[in-house]
Amino acid sequence: MNPMMKRMDAIEAAHAARDGDCLRCCTRKDESETEEQARERLGLVDWPGTLVLMLPGDENL
């Protein structure tokens, strides 16, 4: 993980701790993966903030 991504993750974690909510954007592996499966794969099962899951190819929108 590059230093900028580590810094962004630290900022997101600080905001989530302060506000109890933070936006996180991730990509699903494919259309058949459920939100629960994606959260588990990404290690975000207990993520308190908003999670936006996109399909592959949509991340450039």
Protein backbone atom coordinates (compact mmCIF):
# COMPACT_ATOMS: atom_id res chain seq x y z
CA MET A 1 0.00 0.00 0.00
CA ASN A 2 1.45 3.37 -0.96
CA PRO A 3 1.92 6.16 1.64
CA MET A 4 -0.94 8.27 0.25
CA MET A 5 -3.43 5.40 0.59
CA LYS A 6 -2.23 4.76 4.15
CA ARG A 7 -2.77 8.44 4.95
CA MET A 8 -6.27 8.41 3.42
CA ASP A 9 -7.15 5.28 5.41
CA ALA A 10 -5.93 6.97 8.60
CA ILE A 11 -8.03 10.06 7.86
CA GLU A 12 -11.12 7.92 7.13
CA ALA A 13 -10.60 5.99 10.37
CA ALA A 14 -10.27 9.22 12.34
CA HIS A 15 -13.49 10.60 10.83
CA ALA A 16 -15.33 7.34 11.48
CA ALA A 17 -14.17 7.35 15.09
CA ARG A 18 -15.19 10.98 15.53
CA ASP A 19 -18.50 10.94 13.66
CA GLY A 20 -19.46 7.27 13.68
CA ASP A 21 -19.78 7.36 9.90
CA CYS A 22 -17.46 7.53 6.94
CA LEU A 23 -17.81 6.76 3.24
CA ARG A 24 -15.83 3.85 1.84
CA CYS A 25 -15.92 2.89 -1.86
CA CYS A 26 -15.00 -0.65 -2.97
CA THR A 27 -15.42 -2.86 -6.01
CA ARG A 28 -17.23 -6.20 -6.02
CA LYS A 29 -15.56 -9.12 -7.73
CA ASP A 30 -18.60 -9.75 -9.95
CA GLU A 31 -22.38 -9.41 -10.06
CA SER A 32 -22.96 -12.67 -8.17
CA GLU A 33 -21.09 -11.48 -5.06
CA THR A 34 -23.51 -10.27 -2.39
CA GLU A 35 -22.91 -7.22 -0.20
CA GLU A 36 -22.29 -9.50 2.79
CA GLN A 37 -19.71 -11.54 0.86
CA ALA A 38 -17.97 -8.37 -0.34
CA ARG A 39 -17.84 -6.94 3.19
CA GLU A 40 -16.31 -10.18 4.47
CA ARG A 41 -13.75 -10.37 1.64
CA LEU A 42 -12.73 -6.74 2.18
CA GLY A 43 -12.55 -7.08 5.96
CA LEU A 44 -15.29 -4.48 6.44
CA VAL A 45 -17.91 -6.59 8.24
CA ASP A 46 -17.92 -4.26 11.26
CA TRP A 47 -17.36 -1.03 9.28
CA PRO A 48 -19.61 1.57 10.95
CA GLY A 49 -19.71 3.95 8.01
CA THR A 50 -21.31 4.01 4.61
CA LEU A 51 -20.03 1.42 2.15
CA VAL A 52 -20.53 1.88 -1.59
CA LEU A 53 -20.01 -1.29 -3.62
CA MET A 54 -19.52 -0.99 -7.38
CA LEU A 55 -19.22 -3.57 -10.10
CA PRO A 56 -15.91 -4.02 -11.94
CA GLY A 57 -15.64 -1.43 -14.70
CA ASP A 58 -17.80 1.11 -12.86
CA GLU A 59 -14.98 2.33 -10.61
CA ASN A 60 -13.87 4.83 -13.27
CA LEU A 61 -17.20 6.67 -13.34
